[in-house]
């Protein structure tokens, strides 16, 4: 089994030094949210109402894990 090493976006010390709103802005600005938004938006008129704020839901998922 091979180990895949991914470069980190930020160092741990950098994240500890940032205030929570700065962390969220820094992390979310590096993620391409357009592809995620188009994958989860409603494609038909059936189901969930159109008024849902999909962008806010996507961002809240990332904020939860930070």
C-alpha atoms as a PDB file:
ATOM      1  CA  UNK A   1       0.000   0.000   0.000  1.00  0.00           C
ATOM      2  CA  UNK A   2       1.428   3.382  -0.974  1.00  0.00           C
ATOM      3  CA  UNK A   3       1.141   6.556   1.010  1.00  0.00           C
ATOM      4  CA  UNK A   4      -0.093   9.632  -0.821  1.00  0.00           C
ATOM      5  CA  UNK A   5       1.376  12.838   0.520  1.00  0.00           C
ATOM      6  CA  UNK A   6      -0.516  16.022  -0.129  1.00  0.00           C
ATOM      7  CA  UNK A   7       0.919  19.439   0.537  1.00  0.00           C
ATOM      8  CA  UNK A   8      -0.966  21.287   3.248  1.00  0.00           C
ATOM      9  CA  UNK A   9      -2.701  24.586   2.558  1.00  0.00           C
ATOM     10  CA  UNK A  10      -1.441  26.150   5.769  1.00  0.00           C
ATOM     11  CA  UNK A  11       0.950  25.225   8.512  1.00  0.00           C
ATOM     12  CA  UNK A  12      -0.496  24.334  11.904  1.00  0.00           C
ATOM     13  CA  UNK A  13       1.170  27.334  13.533  1.00  0.00           C
ATOM     14  CA  UNK A  14      -0.311  29.671  10.910  1.00  0.00           C
ATOM     15  CA  UNK A  15      -3.807  28.382  11.681  1.00  0.00           C
ATOM     16  CA  UNK A  16      -3.280  28.745  15.442  1.00  0.00           C
ATOM     17  CA  UNK A  17      -2.133  32.340  14.962  1.00  0.00           C
ATOM     18  CA  UNK A  18      -5.211  33.320  12.906  1.00  0.00           C
ATOM     19  CA  UNK A  19      -8.501  34.419  14.434  1.00  0.00           C
ATOM     20  CA  UNK A  20     -11.480  32.170  13.523  1.00  0.00           C
ATOM     21  CA  UNK A  21     -12.948  34.510  10.850  1.00  0.00           C
ATOM     22  CA  UNK A  22      -9.507  34.811   9.229  1.00  0.00           C
ATOM     23  CA  UNK A  23      -9.144  31.010   9.186  1.00  0.00           C
ATOM     24  CA  UNK A  24     -12.496  30.577   7.501  1.00  0.00           C
ATOM     25  CA  UNK A  25     -11.782  33.214   4.858  1.00  0.00           C
ATOM     26  CA  UNK A  26      -8.315  31.812   4.128  1.00  0.00           C
ATOM     27  CA  UNK A  27      -9.502  28.214   3.780  1.00  0.00           C
ATOM     28  CA  UNK A  28     -12.697  28.887   1.826  1.00  0.00           C
ATOM     29  CA  UNK A  29     -10.938  31.242  -0.601  1.00  0.00           C
ATOM     30  CA  UNK A  30      -8.565  28.432  -1.647  1.00  0.00           C
ATOM     31  CA  UNK A  31     -11.361  25.946  -2.399  1.00  0.00           C
ATOM     32  CA  UNK A  32     -13.135  26.029  -5.771  1.00  0.00           C
ATOM     33  CA  UNK A  33     -16.727  26.254  -4.552  1.00  0.00           C
ATOM     34  CA  UNK A  34     -18.206  26.647  -8.061  1.00  0.00           C
ATOM     35  CA  UNK A  35     -17.765  22.973  -8.930  1.00  0.00           C
ATOM     36  CA  UNK A  36     -19.289  21.871  -5.626  1.00  0.00           C
ATOM     37  CA  UNK A  37     -22.163  24.344  -6.009  1.00  0.00           C
ATOM     38  CA  UNK A  38     -23.058  23.074  -9.481  1.00  0.00           C
ATOM     39  CA  UNK A  39     -22.902  19.469  -8.283  1.00  0.00           C
ATOM     40  CA  UNK A  40     -25.375  19.972  -5.425  1.00  0.00           C
ATOM     41  CA  UNK A  41     -27.808  22.567  -6.773  1.00  0.00           C
ATOM     42  CA  UNK A  42     -31.291  21.525  -7.653  1.00  0.00           C
ATOM     43  CA  UNK A  43     -31.701  20.329 -11.221  1.00  0.00           C
ATOM     44  CA  UNK A  44     -35.456  19.747 -11.300  1.00  0.00           C
ATOM     45  CA  UNK A  45     -38.538  21.441  -9.913  1.00  0.00           C
ATOM     46  CA  UNK A  46     -39.419  18.416  -7.783  1.00  0.00           C
ATOM     47  CA  UNK A  47     -38.093  17.961  -4.249  1.00  0.00           C
ATOM     48  CA  UNK A  48     -36.586  20.638  -2.016  1.00  0.00           C
ATOM     49  CA  UNK A  49     -37.765  24.240  -2.443  1.00  0.00           C
ATOM     50  CA  UNK A  50     -35.766  26.548  -4.705  1.00  0.00           C
ATOM     51  CA  UNK A  51     -35.169  29.103  -1.922  1.00  0.00           C
ATOM     52  CA  UNK A  52     -32.474  27.052  -0.203  1.00  0.00           C
ATOM     53  CA  UNK A  53     -29.118  28.800   0.074  1.00  0.00           C
ATOM     54  CA  UNK A  54     -26.843  26.082  -1.278  1.00  0.00           C
ATOM     55  CA  UNK A  55     -23.715  28.258  -1.144  1.00  0.00           C
ATOM     56  CA  UNK A  56     -24.195  28.917   2.581  1.00  0.00           C
ATOM     57  CA  UNK A  57     -24.732  25.217   3.237  1.00  0.00           C
ATOM     58  CA  UNK A  58     -21.504  24.293   1.446  1.00  0.00           C
ATOM     59  CA  UNK A  59     -19.487  26.906   3.335  1.00  0.00           C
ATOM     60  CA  UNK A  60     -21.002  25.834   6.669  1.00  0.00           C
ATOM     61  CA  UNK A  61     -19.805  22.263   6.081  1.00  0.00           C
ATOM     62  CA  UNK A  62     -16.214  23.463   5.671  1.00  0.00           C
ATOM     63  CA  UNK A  63     -16.479  25.801   8.673  1.00  0.00           C
ATOM     64  CA  UNK A  64     -17.759  22.934  10.815  1.00  0.00           C
ATOM     65  CA  UNK A  65     -14.647  20.858  10.157  1.00  0.00           C
ATOM     66  CA  UNK A  66     -12.278  23.747  10.814  1.00  0.00           C
END
